[in-house]
Every structure is written in C-alpha cells, then in structure tokens.
C-alpha atoms as a PDB file:
ATOM      1  CA  MET A   1      36.769  87.900  73.919  1.00  0.00           C
ATOM      2  CA  GLU A   2      39.923  85.476  74.757  1.00  0.00           C
ATOM      3  CA  ALA A   3      40.658  82.258  73.314  1.00  0.00           C
ATOM      4  CA  GLU A   4      42.430  81.268  76.982  1.00  0.00           C
ATOM      5  CA  LEU A   5      39.079  82.523  79.457  1.00  0.00           C
ATOM      6  CA  VAL A   6      36.670  80.771  76.750  1.00  0.00           C
ATOM      7  CA  ARG A   7      38.410  77.436  77.088  1.00  0.00           C
ATOM      8  CA  THR A   8      38.853  78.249  80.693  1.00  0.00           C
ATOM      9  CA  ILE A   9      34.551  79.170  81.206  1.00  0.00           C
ATOM     10  CA  VAL A  10      33.381  75.627  78.912  1.00  0.00           C
ATOM     11  CA  ALA A  11      35.608  73.902  80.679  1.00  0.00           C
ATOM     12  CA  ALA A  12      33.746  74.625  84.091  1.00  0.00           C
ATOM     13  CA  ILE A  13      30.688  73.250  82.804  1.00  0.00           C
ATOM     14  CA  PRO A  14      29.314  70.211  83.514  1.00  0.00           C
ATOM     15  CA  LEU A  15      27.107  69.213  80.248  1.00  0.00           C
ATOM     16  CA  PRO A  16      29.119  68.926  76.932  1.00  0.00           C
ATOM     17  CA  VAL A  17      30.001  71.964  75.542  1.00  0.00           C
ATOM     18  CA  ILE A  18      30.861  73.702  72.412  1.00  0.00           C
ATOM     19  CA  ALA A  19      32.631  77.596  71.824  1.00  0.00           C
ATOM     20  CA  ILE A  20      32.618  78.569  67.815  1.00  0.00           C
ATOM     21  CA  GLY A  21      34.837  81.546  67.074  1.00  0.00           C
ATOM     22  CA  PRO A  22      32.992  84.459  64.364  1.00  0.00           C
ATOM     23  CA  ASP A  23      35.076  82.690  61.478  1.00  0.00           C
ATOM     24  CA  GLY A  24      33.103  79.005  62.224  1.00  0.00           C
ATOM     25  CA  ARG A  25      35.513  77.071  63.875  1.00  0.00           C
ATOM     26  CA  ILE A  26      35.046  75.342  66.862  1.00  0.00           C
ATOM     27  CA  LEU A  27      37.617  77.180  69.118  1.00  0.00           C
ATOM     28  CA  ALA A  28      37.309  74.958  72.168  1.00  0.00           C
ATOM     29  CA  ALA A  29      35.270  72.079  73.436  1.00  0.00           C
ATOM     30  CA  ASN A  30      34.914  71.244  77.329  1.00  0.00           C
ATOM     31  CA  PRO A  31      36.025  67.495  78.017  1.00  0.00           C
ATOM     32  CA  ALA A  32      32.788  65.795  78.086  1.00  0.00           C
ATOM     33  CA  ALA A  33      32.226  67.427  74.480  1.00  0.00           C
ATOM     34  CA  LEU A  34      35.792  66.234  73.746  1.00  0.00           C
ATOM     35  CA  ALA A  35      34.306  62.958  74.217  1.00  0.00           C
ATOM     36  CA  LEU A  36      31.236  62.367  72.373  1.00  0.00           C
ATOM     37  CA  PHE A  37      32.545  64.458  69.585  1.00  0.00           C
ATOM     38  CA  GLY A  38      36.417  63.004  69.449  1.00  0.00           C
ATOM     39  CA  ALA A  39      39.713  64.853  70.364  1.00  0.00           C
ATOM     40  CA  GLY A  40      40.554  66.529  67.357  1.00  0.00           C
ATOM     41  CA  ILE A  41      37.549  69.011  66.517  1.00  0.00           C
ATOM     42  CA  GLU A  42      39.204  72.061  68.232  1.00  0.00           C
ATOM     43  CA  GLY A  43      40.733  74.290  65.363  1.00  0.00           C
ATOM     44  CA  ARG A  44      38.403  72.508  63.002  1.00  0.00           C
ATOM     45  CA  HIS A  45      35.301  73.959  61.298  1.00  0.00           C
ATOM     46  CA  HIS A  46      31.873  73.495  62.765  1.00  0.00           C
ATOM     47  CA  LEU A  47      30.442  71.928  59.090  1.00  0.00           C
ATOM     48  CA  LEU A  48      33.399  69.166  59.533  1.00  0.00           C
ATOM     49  CA  THR A  49      32.201  67.589  63.476  1.00  0.00           C
ATOM     50  CA  LEU A  50      28.266  69.148  63.359  1.00  0.00           C
ATOM     51  CA  ARG A  51      27.346  67.748  60.001  1.00  0.00           C
ATOM     52  CA  GLN A  52      23.402  67.526  61.277  1.00  0.00           C
ATOM     53  CA  PRO A  53      21.444  70.237  58.663  1.00  0.00           C
ATOM     54  CA  ALA A  54      19.019  71.161  61.833  1.00  0.00           C
ATOM     55  CA  LEU A  55      22.106  72.215  64.287  1.00  0.00           C
ATOM     56  CA  GLN A  56      24.203  73.520  61.561  1.00  0.00           C
ATOM     57  CA  SER A  57      21.299  76.150  60.702  1.00  0.00           C
ATOM     58  CA  ALA A  58      20.890  77.060  64.512  1.00  0.00           C
ATOM     59  CA  ILE A  59      24.640  77.728  64.494  1.00  0.00           C
ATOM     60  CA  SER A  60      24.386  79.672  61.313  1.00  0.00           C
ATOM     61  CA  ALA A  61      21.594  81.744  63.009  1.00  0.00           C
ATOM     62  CA  ALA A  62      23.716  82.624  66.160  1.00  0.00           C
ATOM     63  CA  LEU A  63      25.991  83.815  64.231  1.00  0.00           C
ATOM     64  CA  ALA A  64      24.453  85.648  61.450  1.00  0.00           C
ATOM     65  CA  ASP A  65      21.895  86.861  63.401  1.00  0.00           C
ATOM     66  CA  GLY A  66      22.261  86.547  67.182  1.00  0.00           C
ATOM     67  CA  ALA A  67      19.183  84.341  67.400  1.00  0.00           C
ATOM     68  CA  THR A  68      18.793  81.706  70.222  1.00  0.00           C
ATOM     69  CA  GLY A  69      17.899  78.116  68.670  1.00  0.00           C
ATOM     70  CA  THR A  70      17.734  74.332  70.334  1.00  0.00           C
ATOM     71  CA  ALA A  71      17.956  71.239  67.787  1.00  0.00           C
ATOM     72  CA  ARG A  72      17.306  67.715  67.995  1.00  0.00           C
ATOM     73  CA  HIS A  73      20.906  65.918  67.619  1.00  0.00           C
ATOM     74  CA  THR A  74      21.345  62.194  67.491  1.00  0.00           C
ATOM     75  CA  ILE A  75      24.390  59.887  67.967  1.00  0.00           C
ATOM     76  CA  PRO A  76      24.468  56.354  66.673  1.00  0.00           C
ATOM     77  CA  GLY A  77      25.224  53.754  69.634  1.00  0.00           C
ATOM     78  CA  PRO A  78      25.614  50.169  69.701  1.00  0.00           C
ATOM     79  CA  SER A  79      21.987  49.328  70.650  1.00  0.00           C
ATOM     80  CA  GLN A  80      20.494  52.738  70.173  1.00  0.00           C
ATOM     81  CA  ASP A  81      20.445  56.365  69.594  1.00  0.00           C
ATOM     82  CA  VAL A  82      21.203  58.847  71.875  1.00  0.00           C
ATOM     83  CA  VAL A  83      19.234  61.915  71.475  1.00  0.00           C
ATOM     84  CA  TYR A  84      20.646  65.601  72.431  1.00  0.00           C
ATOM     85  CA  ARG A  85      19.196  68.616  72.698  1.00  0.00           C
ATOM     86  CA  ALA A  86      21.245  71.410  71.318  1.00  0.00           C
ATOM     87  CA  THR A  87      20.715  74.826  72.387  1.00  0.00           C
ATOM     88  CA  VAL A  88      22.903  77.017  70.706  1.00  0.00           C
ATOM     89  CA  SER A  89      22.640  80.498  72.241  1.00  0.00           C
ATOM     90  CA  PRO A  90      24.950  83.669  70.587  1.00  0.00           C
ATOM     91  CA  ALA A  91      27.920  85.501  72.588  1.00  0.00           C
ATOM     92  CA  ALA A  92      29.646  88.482  72.585  1.00  0.00           C
ATOM     93  CA  ARG A  93      31.188  89.429  69.489  1.00  0.00           C
ATOM     94  CA  GLY A  94      30.054  86.538  67.205  1.00  0.00           C
ATOM     95  CA  TYR A  95      30.661  83.769  69.062  1.00  0.00           C
ATOM     96  CA  ALA A  96      28.199  80.921  69.556  1.00  0.00           C
ATOM     97  CA  LEU A  97      27.826  78.519  72.852  1.00  0.00           C
ATOM     98  CA  LEU A  98      26.700  74.982  72.086  1.00  0.00           C
ATOM     99  CA  THR A  99      25.026  73.336  74.827  1.00  0.00           C
ATOM    100  CA  PHE A 100      24.594  68.985  74.662  1.00  0.00           C
ATOM    101  CA  GLU A 101      22.046  68.095  77.142  1.00  0.00           C
ATOM    102  CA  ASP A 102      21.205  63.983  76.980  1.00  0.00           C
ATOM    103  CA  VAL A 103      17.321  63.340  76.031  1.00  0.00           C
ATOM    104  CA  THR A 104      17.186  59.570  75.567  1.00  0.00           C
ATOM    105  CA  GLU A 105      15.408  58.543  78.662  1.00  0.00           C
ATOM    106  CA  ALA A 106      13.415  61.099  78.438  1.00  0.00           C
ATOM    107  CA  GLU A 107      12.495  60.219  74.926  1.00  0.00           C
ATOM    108  CA  GLN A 108      11.821  56.157  75.580  1.00  0.00           C
ATOM    109  CA  MET A 109       9.910  57.525  78.744  1.00  0.00           C
ATOM    110  CA  GLY A 110       7.531  59.067  76.407  1.00  0.00           C
ATOM    111  CA  GLN A 111       7.198  56.935  73.340  1.00  0.00           C
ATOM    112  CA  MET A 112       6.508  53.962  76.350  1.00  0.00           C
ATOM    113  CA  ARG A 113       3.892  55.798  77.364  1.00  0.00           C
ATOM    114  CA  ARG A 114       2.522  56.951  73.559  1.00  0.00           C
ATOM    115  CA  ASP A 115       2.506  52.965  72.808  1.00  0.00           C
ATOM    116  CA  PHE A 116       1.161  51.601  76.026  1.00  0.00           C
ATOM    117  CA  VAL A 117      -1.920  54.206  75.541  1.00  0.00           C
ATOM    118  CA  ALA A 118      -1.870  52.947  72.278  1.00  0.00           C
ATOM    119  CA  ASN A 119      -1.932  49.382  73.113  1.00  0.00           C
ATOM    120  CA  VAL A 120      -4.699  49.502  76.066  1.00  0.00           C
ATOM    121  CA  SER A 121      -6.865  51.390  72.991  1.00  0.00           C
ATOM    122  CA  HIS A 122      -6.231  48.387  70.387  1.00  0.00           C
ATOM    123  CA  GLU A 123      -6.341  45.617  73.451  1.00  0.00           C
ATOM    124  CA  LEU A 124      -9.740  47.421  74.657  1.00  0.00           C
ATOM    125  CA  ARG A 125     -11.594  47.984  71.674  1.00  0.00           C
ATOM    126  CA  THR A 126     -11.630  44.681  69.796  1.00  0.00           C
ATOM    127  CA  PRO A 127     -13.225  43.068  72.399  1.00  0.00           C
ATOM    128  CA  LEU A 128     -15.790  45.998  72.386  1.00  0.00           C
ATOM    129  CA  THR A 129     -16.493  46.615  69.550  1.00  0.00           C
ATOM    130  CA  ALA A 130     -18.036  42.628  69.129  1.00  0.00           C
ATOM    131  CA  VAL A 131     -19.848  43.277  72.063  1.00  0.00           C
ATOM    132  CA  LEU A 132     -21.516  46.001  69.924  1.00  0.00           C
ATOM    133  CA  GLY A 133     -21.057  44.351  67.689  1.00  0.00           C
ATOM    134  CA  PHE A 134     -23.256  41.147  68.839  1.00  0.00           C
ATOM    135  CA  ILE A 135     -25.785  43.379  70.607  1.00  0.00           C
ATOM    136  CA  GLU A 136     -26.556  45.196  67.580  1.00  0.00           C
ATOM    137  CA  THR A 137     -27.820  41.963  66.399  1.00  0.00           C
ATOM    138  CA  LEU A 138     -29.727  40.808  69.100  1.00  0.00           C
ATOM    139  CA  ARG A 139     -31.703  43.180  69.100  1.00  0.00           C
ATOM    140  CA  GLY A 140     -32.291  42.439  65.454  1.00  0.00           C
ATOM    141  CA  ALA A 141     -31.274  39.584  63.069  1.00  0.00           C
ATOM    142  CA  ALA A 142     -30.894  37.066  65.985  1.00  0.00           C
ATOM    143  CA  ARG A 143     -33.694  38.422  68.668  1.00  0.00           C
ATOM    144  CA  ASP A 144     -36.276  35.595  67.866  1.00  0.00           C
ATOM    145  CA  ASP A 145     -32.953  32.904  67.088  1.00  0.00           C
ATOM    146  CA  PRO A 146     -32.606  31.183  70.770  1.00  0.00           C
ATOM    147  CA  ALA A 147     -29.657  29.203  69.607  1.00  0.00           C
ATOM    148  CA  ALA A 148     -28.027  32.272  68.134  1.00  0.00           C
ATOM    149  CA  ARG A 149     -28.500  34.497  70.544  1.00  0.00           C
ATOM    150  CA  GLU A 150     -26.914  31.389  73.139  1.00  0.00           C
ATOM    151  CA  ARG A 151     -24.229  31.691  70.941  1.00  0.00           C
ATOM    152  CA  PHE A 152     -23.594  35.567  70.310  1.00  0.00           C
ATOM    153  CA  LEU A 153     -24.369  35.510  74.673  1.00  0.00           C
ATOM    154  CA  ALA A 154     -21.253  33.302  75.018  1.00  0.00           C
ATOM    155  CA  ILE A 155     -19.531  35.062  72.772  1.00  0.00           C
ATOM    156  CA  MET A 156     -19.910  38.877  74.580  1.00  0.00           C
ATOM    157  CA  GLU A 157     -18.938  36.709  77.883  1.00  0.00           C
ATOM    158  CA  ARG A 158     -16.029  35.567  76.611  1.00  0.00           C
ATOM    159  CA  GLU A 159     -14.716  38.631  75.374  1.00  0.00           C
ATOM    160  CA  ALA A 160     -15.968  41.133  78.409  1.00  0.00           C
ATOM    161  CA  GLY A 161     -14.005  38.360  80.796  1.00  0.00           C
ATOM    162  CA  ARG A 162     -10.957  39.393  78.461  1.00  0.00           C
ATOM    163  CA  MET A 163     -12.013  42.830  78.632  1.00  0.00           C
ATOM    164  CA  ASN A 164     -11.854  42.572  82.852  1.00  0.00           C
ATOM    165  CA  ARG A 165      -8.972  40.477  83.144  1.00  0.00           C
ATOM    166  CA  LEU A 166      -7.062  43.050  81.250  1.00  0.00           C
ATOM    167  CA  ILE A 167      -8.586  45.886  83.463  1.00  0.00           C
ATOM    168  CA  GLY A 168      -7.467  43.608  86.767  1.00  0.00           C
ATOM    169  CA  ASP A 169      -4.187  43.597  84.910  1.00  0.00           C
ATOM    170  CA  LEU A 170      -3.497  47.030  84.102  1.00  0.00           C
ATOM    171  CA  LEU A 171      -4.703  47.974  87.869  1.00  0.00           C
ATOM    172  CA  HIS A 172      -2.117  45.543  89.164  1.00  0.00           C
ATOM    173  CA  LEU A 173       0.598  46.648  87.142  1.00  0.00           C
ATOM    174  CA  SER A 174       0.339  49.893  88.320  1.00  0.00           C
ATOM    175  CA  ARG A 175      -0.299  49.206  92.068  1.00  0.00           C
ATOM    176  CA  VAL A 176       3.378  47.109  91.473  1.00  0.00           C
ATOM    177  CA  GLU A 177       4.809  49.916  89.804  1.00  0.00           C
ATOM    178  CA  ALA A 178       3.810  52.226  92.730  1.00  0.00           C
ATOM    179  CA  GLN A 179       5.456  49.775  94.852  1.00  0.00           C
ATOM    180  CA  GLU A 180       8.944  49.129  93.207  1.00  0.00           C
ATOM    181  CA  ARG A 181      11.100  51.662  95.511  1.00  0.00           C
ATOM    182  CA  VAL A 182      10.079  49.871  98.315  1.00  0.00           C
ATOM    183  CA  ARG A 183      11.955  46.430  99.675  1.00  0.00           C
ATOM    184  CA  PRO A 184       9.390  43.916 101.242  1.00  0.00           C
ATOM    185  CA  THR A 185      10.262  43.250 105.073  1.00  0.00           C
ATOM    186  CA  ALA A 186       8.110  40.183 106.025  1.00  0.00           C
ATOM    187  CA  ARG A 187       9.634  36.644 105.593  1.00  0.00           C
ATOM    188  CA  VAL A 188       8.168  34.287 103.349  1.00  0.00           C
ATOM    189  CA  ASP A 189       9.168  30.819 102.538  1.00  0.00           C
ATOM    190  CA  LEU A 190       9.485  30.269  98.616  1.00  0.00           C
ATOM    191  CA  ALA A 191       8.946  26.748  99.107  1.00  0.00           C
ATOM    192  CA  ALA A 192       5.420  26.541 100.598  1.00  0.00           C
ATOM    193  CA  LEU A 193       4.356  29.842  98.306  1.00  0.00           C
ATOM    194  CA  VAL A 194       5.168  27.191  95.132  1.00  0.00           C
ATOM    195  CA  ALA A 195       2.837  24.356  96.945  1.00  0.00           C
ATOM    196  CA  GLY A 196       0.413  26.918  97.303  1.00  0.00           C
ATOM    197  CA  ALA A 197       0.668  28.016  93.221  1.00  0.00           C
ATOM    198  CA  ILE A 198       0.678  24.373  92.184  1.00  0.00           C
ATOM    199  CA  SER A 199      -2.684  23.908  94.711  1.00  0.00           C
ATOM    200  CA  THR A 200      -4.239  26.889  92.480  1.00  0.00           C
ATOM    201  CA  LEU A 201      -3.261  25.507  89.137  1.00  0.00           C
ATOM    202  CA  ARG A 202      -4.046  21.794  89.956  1.00  0.00           C
ATOM    203  CA  PRO A 203      -7.506  22.561  88.065  1.00  0.00           C
ATOM    204  CA  LEU A 204      -5.672  23.809  85.131  1.00  0.00           C
ATOM    205  CA  ALA A 205      -3.102  21.443  84.906  1.00  0.00           C
ATOM    206  CA  GLU A 206      -5.542  18.096  85.156  1.00  0.00           C
ATOM    207  CA  GLY A 207      -7.274  19.625  83.032  1.00  0.00           C
ATOM    208  CA  SER A 208      -4.894  20.341  80.131  1.00  0.00           C
ATOM    209  CA  GLY A 209      -3.027  16.986  80.733  1.00  0.00           C
ATOM    210  CA  VAL A 210      -0.355  18.776  82.606  1.00  0.00           C
ATOM    211  CA  ALA A 211       1.647  16.565  85.504  1.00  0.00           C
ATOM    212  CA  VAL A 212       3.253  19.682  87.451  1.00  0.00           C
ATOM    213  CA  GLU A 213       6.188  18.401  89.792  1.00  0.00           C
ATOM    214  CA  VAL A 214       9.040  20.495  91.964  1.00  0.00           C
ATOM    215  CA  THR A 215      12.192  19.331  92.511  1.00  0.00           C
ATOM    216  CA  GLY A 216      15.818  20.320  93.874  1.00  0.00           C
ATOM    217  CA  LEU A 217      15.628  22.020  97.373  1.00  0.00           C
ATOM    218  CA  PRO A 218      13.073  20.629 100.544  1.00  0.00           C
ATOM    219  CA  ALA A 219      11.449  23.649 102.012  1.00  0.00           C
ATOM    220  CA  PRO A 220      12.067  25.585 104.215  1.00  0.00           C
ATOM    221  CA  LEU A 221      12.872  28.130 101.949  1.00  0.00           C
ATOM    222  CA  PRO A 222      12.735  31.538 103.836  1.00  0.00           C
ATOM    223  CA  MET A 223      13.562  34.870 102.234  1.00  0.00           C
ATOM    224  CA  PRO A 224      12.797  38.484 102.046  1.00  0.00           C
ATOM    225  CA  GLY A 225       9.543  38.915 100.289  1.00  0.00           C
ATOM    226  CA  ASP A 226       5.705  39.574  99.440  1.00  0.00           C
ATOM    227  CA  ALA A 227       3.492  36.758  99.740  1.00  0.00           C
ATOM    228  CA  ASP A 228       1.129  37.685  97.762  1.00  0.00           C
ATOM    229  CA  GLN A 229       3.669  38.569  95.248  1.00  0.00           C
ATOM    230  CA  ILE A 230       5.811  36.617  95.480  1.00  0.00           C
ATOM    231  CA  THR A 231       2.485  33.891  94.504  1.00  0.00           C
ATOM    232  CA  GLN A 232       1.589  36.031  91.583  1.00  0.00           C
ATOM    233  CA  VAL A 233       5.140  35.558  90.225  1.00  0.00           C
ATOM    234  CA  ILE A 234       4.865  31.746  90.562  1.00  0.00           C
ATOM    235  CA  VAL A 235       1.621  31.240  89.366  1.00  0.00           C
ATOM    236  CA  ASN A 236       2.089  33.472  86.277  1.00  0.00           C
ATOM    237  CA  LEU A 237       5.124  31.481  85.117  1.00  0.00           C
ATOM    238  CA  LEU A 238       3.012  27.930  85.863  1.00  0.00           C
ATOM    239  CA  GLU A 239       0.560  28.925  84.564  1.00  0.00           C
ATOM    240  CA  ASN A 240       2.457  29.867  81.344  1.00  0.00           C
ATOM    241  CA  ALA A 241       4.176  27.245  81.222  1.00  0.00           C
ATOM    242  CA  ILE A 242       0.938  24.676  81.117  1.00  0.00           C
ATOM    243  CA  LYS A 243      -0.964  26.925  78.551  1.00  0.00           C
ATOM    244  CA  TYR A 244       1.951  27.526  75.902  1.00  0.00           C
ATOM    245  CA  GLY A 245       4.156  25.284  77.180  1.00  0.00           C
ATOM    246  CA  GLY A 246       2.605  21.855  78.290  1.00  0.00           C
ATOM    247  CA  GLY A 247       2.293  19.905  74.564  1.00  0.00           C
ATOM    248  CA  GLY A 248       5.500  17.843  76.498  1.00  0.00           C
ATOM    249  CA  GLY A 249       3.155  16.517  78.968  1.00  0.00           C
ATOM    250  CA  HIS A 250       5.235  17.175  82.189  1.00  0.00           C
ATOM    251  CA  VAL A 251       6.244  20.741  83.760  1.00  0.00           C
ATOM    252  CA  THR A 252       8.888  21.037  86.577  1.00  0.00           C
ATOM    253  CA  LEU A 253       9.120  23.784  89.092  1.00  0.00           C
ATOM    254  CA  HIS A 254      12.672  23.589  90.228  1.00  0.00           C
ATOM    255  CA  LEU A 255      14.432  24.702  93.663  1.00  0.00           C
ATOM    256  CA  ALA A 256      17.984  26.079  93.994  1.00  0.00           C
ATOM    257  CA  ARG A 257      20.527  27.973  95.629  1.00  0.00           C
ATOM    258  CA  GLU A 258      22.638  30.504  93.558  1.00  0.00           C
ATOM    259  CA  ALA A 259      25.621  32.638  93.893  1.00  0.00           C
ATOM    260  CA  LEU A 260      25.118  36.341  93.852  1.00  0.00           C
ATOM    261  CA  PRO A 261      27.306  39.292  93.838  1.00  0.00           C
ATOM    262  CA  HIS A 262      26.295  39.495  97.585  1.00  0.00           C
ATOM    263  CA  GLY A 263      25.495  36.749  99.521  1.00  0.00           C
ATOM    264  CA  SER A 264      23.376  33.536  97.744  1.00  0.00           C
ATOM    265  CA  GLY A 265      20.314  33.334  96.436  1.00  0.00           C
ATOM    266  CA  LEU A 266      17.035  31.539  95.963  1.00  0.00           C
ATOM    267  CA  ARG A 267      16.453  30.429  91.725  1.00  0.00           C
ATOM    268  CA  LEU A 268      13.162  28.954  90.953  1.00  0.00           C
ATOM    269  CA  ASP A 269      13.312  27.507  87.215  1.00  0.00           C
ATOM    270  CA  VAL A 270       9.909  27.055  85.408  1.00  0.00           C
ATOM    271  CA  ILE A 271      10.446  24.206  82.929  1.00  0.00           C
ATOM    272  CA  ASP A 272       8.633  23.615  80.039  1.00  0.00           C
ATOM    273  CA  ARG A 273       8.727  20.640  77.672  1.00  0.00           C
ATOM    274  CA  GLY A 274       7.080  22.754  74.633  1.00  0.00           C
ATOM    275  CA  GLU A 275       7.397  23.952  71.545  1.00  0.00           C
ATOM    276  CA  GLY A 276      10.345  26.683  73.147  1.00  0.00           C
ATOM    277  CA  ILE A 277      10.816  30.581  71.664  1.00  0.00           C
ATOM    278  CA  ASP A 278      12.664  31.408  68.862  1.00  0.00           C
ATOM    279  CA  PRO A 279      15.773  33.558  70.746  1.00  0.00           C
ATOM    280  CA  LEU A 280      14.841  36.643  68.668  1.00  0.00           C
ATOM    281  CA  HIS A 281      11.505  36.780  70.901  1.00  0.00           C
ATOM    282  CA  ILE A 282      13.633  36.552  74.176  1.00  0.00           C
ATOM    283  CA  PRO A 283      14.918  40.390  74.926  1.00  0.00           C
ATOM    284  CA  ARG A 284      11.201  41.482  74.438  1.00  0.00           C
ATOM    285  CA  LEU A 285       8.680  39.071  75.833  1.00  0.00           C
ATOM    286  CA  THR A 286       8.378  40.857  79.755  1.00  0.00           C
ATOM    287  CA  GLU A 287       7.420  44.635  77.718  1.00  0.00           C
ATOM    288  CA  ARG A 288       3.883  45.318  78.398  1.00  0.00           C
ATOM    289  CA  PHE A 289       1.682  43.554  75.644  1.00  0.00           C
ATOM    290  CA  TYR A 290       4.575  42.027  73.594  1.00  0.00           C
ATOM    291  CA  ARG A 291       3.252  38.599  72.559  1.00  0.00           C
ATOM    292  CA  VAL A 292       5.313  36.028  70.493  1.00  0.00           C
ATOM    293  CA  ASP A 293       2.051  34.976  68.914  1.00  0.00           C
ATOM    294  CA  GLY A 294      -0.942  37.800  69.430  1.00  0.00           C
ATOM    295  CA  HIS A 295      -3.469  35.107  68.568  1.00  0.00           C
ATOM    296  CA  ARG A 296      -3.142  31.803  70.090  1.00  0.00           C
ATOM    297  CA  SER A 297      -2.014  34.616  73.685  1.00  0.00           C
ATOM    298  CA  ARG A 298      -5.561  35.740  73.210  1.00  0.00           C
ATOM    299  CA  GLU A 299      -7.857  32.735  72.475  1.00  0.00           C
ATOM    300  CA  LYS A 300      -5.887  31.027  75.884  1.00  0.00           C
ATOM    301  CA  GLY A 301      -7.303  34.259  77.643  1.00  0.00           C
ATOM    302  CA  GLY A 302      -3.779  36.211  77.721  1.00  0.00           C
ATOM    303  CA  THR A 303      -3.390  39.673  78.949  1.00  0.00           C
ATOM    304  CA  GLY A 304       0.176  40.222  77.264  1.00  0.00           C
ATOM    305  CA  LEU A 305       0.851  41.782  81.263  1.00  0.00           C
ATOM    306  CA  GLY A 306       2.342  38.648  83.018  1.00  0.00           C
ATOM    307  CA  LEU A 307       5.698  39.068  82.788  1.00  0.00           C
ATOM    308  CA  ALA A 308       5.948  42.763  82.530  1.00  0.00           C
ATOM    309  CA  ILE A 309       4.083  42.320  86.034  1.00  0.00           C
ATOM    310  CA  VAL A 310       6.559  39.590  87.248  1.00  0.00           C
ATOM    311  CA  LYS A 311       9.555  41.616  85.629  1.00  0.00           C
ATOM    312  CA  HIS A 312       8.918  44.535  88.011  1.00  0.00           C
ATOM    313  CA  ILE A 313       7.848  42.307  91.170  1.00  0.00           C
ATOM    314  CA  VAL A 314      11.708  40.362  90.952  1.00  0.00           C
ATOM    315  CA  GLN A 315      13.118  43.995  90.451  1.00  0.00           C
ATOM    316  CA  ARG A 316      11.322  45.165  93.686  1.00  0.00           C
ATOM    317  CA  HIS A 317      12.190  42.434  95.306  1.00  0.00           C
ATOM    318  CA  ARG A 318      16.172  43.283  93.876  1.00  0.00           C
ATOM    319  CA  GLY A 319      16.123  39.966  92.164  1.00  0.00           C
ATOM    320  CA  ARG A 320      16.520  39.033  88.464  1.00  0.00           C
ATOM    321  CA  ILE A 321      14.314  37.292  86.120  1.00  0.00           C
ATOM    322  CA  ARG A 322      16.599  34.493  83.196  1.00  0.00           C
ATOM    323  CA  ILE A 323      14.771  32.849  80.387  1.00  0.00           C
ATOM    324  CA  GLU A 324      16.131  30.153  78.391  1.00  0.00           C
ATOM    325  CA  SER A 325      14.573  28.699  75.531  1.00  0.00           C
ATOM    326  CA  GLU A 326      15.096  26.822  72.270  1.00  0.00           C
ATOM    327  CA  PRO A 327      12.626  26.409  69.424  1.00  0.00           C
ATOM    328  CA  GLY A 328      11.604  22.760  69.227  1.00  0.00           C
ATOM    329  CA  LYS A 329      13.361  21.962  72.992  1.00  0.00           C
ATOM    330  CA  GLY A 330      11.068  23.146  76.240  1.00  0.00           C
ATOM    331  CA  SER A 331      11.461  26.834  77.619  1.00  0.00           C
ATOM    332  CA  VAL A 332      13.426  27.535  81.697  1.00  0.00           C
ATOM    333  CA  PHE A 333      12.398  31.071  83.298  1.00  0.00           C
ATOM    334  CA  SER A 334      13.949  31.974  86.146  1.00  0.00           C
ATOM    335  CA  VAL A 335      13.453  33.887  89.071  1.00  0.00           C
ATOM    336  CA  ILE A 336      16.683  34.421  91.185  1.00  0.00           C
ATOM    337  CA  PHE A 337      16.163  36.435  94.702  1.00  0.00           C
ATOM    338  CA  PRO A 338      18.255  36.852  98.022  1.00  0.00           C
ATOM    339  CA  GLU A 339      17.922  35.450 100.572  1.00  0.00           C
ATOM    340  CA  SER A 340      18.398  37.816 103.169  1.00  0.00           C
END
C-alpha cells in the first residue's frame, strides 16, 4: 500500500480519519483529524497521540489480529467533554484505519431521556406514596377519627393536585416541543396579553400582598405569536415573581423595544424585589425539574417544569429569554420577541 495513495484516500473522507502503518506509526491523517489531534501527529507512534487504553487495545487488535473494533474516545472541551465513537478497521498488509464519529449530542440526548424518566418517576412516586399511605391509615387506625380523617383527606387532595399539575405540565411541554419548529402566523397584542395575565393572577397577588404594575410602552404592541402560548409565558413568569419574589411586596412588568440583529423586538421584563437568586443557579433555571429550593417550590405547588415550558415557547417564537439576579436584590426575567 503506497503511502501517498493512503494519504489521498484518507484526505477524501469527511470524518476525522487516521491511518496507522504496520510499525504502529501514524502514516496519514486527514485535515479533520489534524484539527482534532494536532498538526504534528504524522510519523509519530500512535501510543504518543492516542493514549486512551480502550482505543489502544482496539488498535493493537487490528494491527496484530486483523480484528475490527470500536472504542469510546473523549476529548476535554472548555465546558464539556466531546465524545467520539472510534471505529478501528484493519486494512491490507497490516495497516489499520481509525474513523472518529462525534456522538456527543446523541449521548447527551440519551442522558437527558434517562434523567427525565428518573425525575418524572421521583416526582410522581412521592405524592403517590403519600396518598397510598393515608388510604391505608384511613382504613385502619383513623377509620373512626373524624378529625384525623379530615386532615388526611386534605393532604391527599393536595398531593393528588400536585400529581395532576405535574401530568398537565408534562403534556403541555410535550405539545410545545412538538410545535417548536412551526412558526406562529397570527398577530397578537403583547400589551393586551400582559393585561389579561395580570387580571388572571390578581387574586393570587392580592392574597400574597403583592402589588403588580405595568410600565413602559403603551398598547397596542402587535407581534406574530400564539396567544395562548404567549399568555402561558407571561402567567408563568408573573406567578413565579409573586410566589418566590413577592417578598418585597411589589412586582413590575415593563414593556420596551430592543434592537435585534434583524429588526426590532418587544421585550417584557418581569421584575421582582425578592430574595434574588445566586448566579450559580441561573444557567440551569430553564432545565426540566431544576429547582433552586426544591422543598419551597413543592410547598408552593411548583412542578419544576414552568421555565422549561417558557424556554420552548420563546424558542418557537424565535425569541430569547434572559435572567438577571443577585441575592438580596431581586430578579429580572426578560423575554424578547421579534416584532415581525
């Protein structure tokens, strides 16, 4: 096998590819492989470049026994490891060909699915266990105790409501994800939707002793959007501000315009004067089931899915979400939507 021919063949393959000769040295590497492992790898022994044991074993088996194998190869990245599936194939006259396929996204999706199933199972198991336990108690020791019966039934009602909210949010999240690539074509008035959300949540605000005001641009504020979904975003952000950031007794919804790379957008800021959030948590707030204070969230009826739903709705509308907060100084949750 001529070295120049090997280099020509390897260079034509779009994936990162390395050819190793019978002496164990790297005979050729295409541009994608050179970008991955460095420009000076050709001519070096593979043990000096490909040091992960599983990959070394697969290479040795291909060179010595002509066996085809695969190995998981990870390369540290700035924020997370990049994962490759390395396929080692024997070639003629004792050569071996290594192909690297980036499977990082597939592994992340698999991990997300596993985490999602585990989280849903945990979130449902807790209230379900409580309900089953109280049913057993009502059939036994509390059968003839009216006071205990009423207390247990109230707890069962609360836990059943929690399960119902969780299932409702899961179904809503599923619908939002299914529609995420379908751009809304209707026109809605953002200011009117804000007014409607405030009216809906007025009893909650009054019961919590929180005053809600709207500032900024006057109505109408037309934009393309799904009225029900935009309302869901506003209600979710406002409800969170009242429940978790209403300790300051005041929540502001501010409407403004913001320059976008392609035109202008409408920005809604939901501003509270509550305890604030440690910046450590901010990048993860829109993850499913992520809670800053899990116990407090459950006590207030939260499912851990609200901000994940907001994120997907905003993405469907080609918008973005921005979160700014500092402990002791409240929080600002902003959503920005294109005006056209």
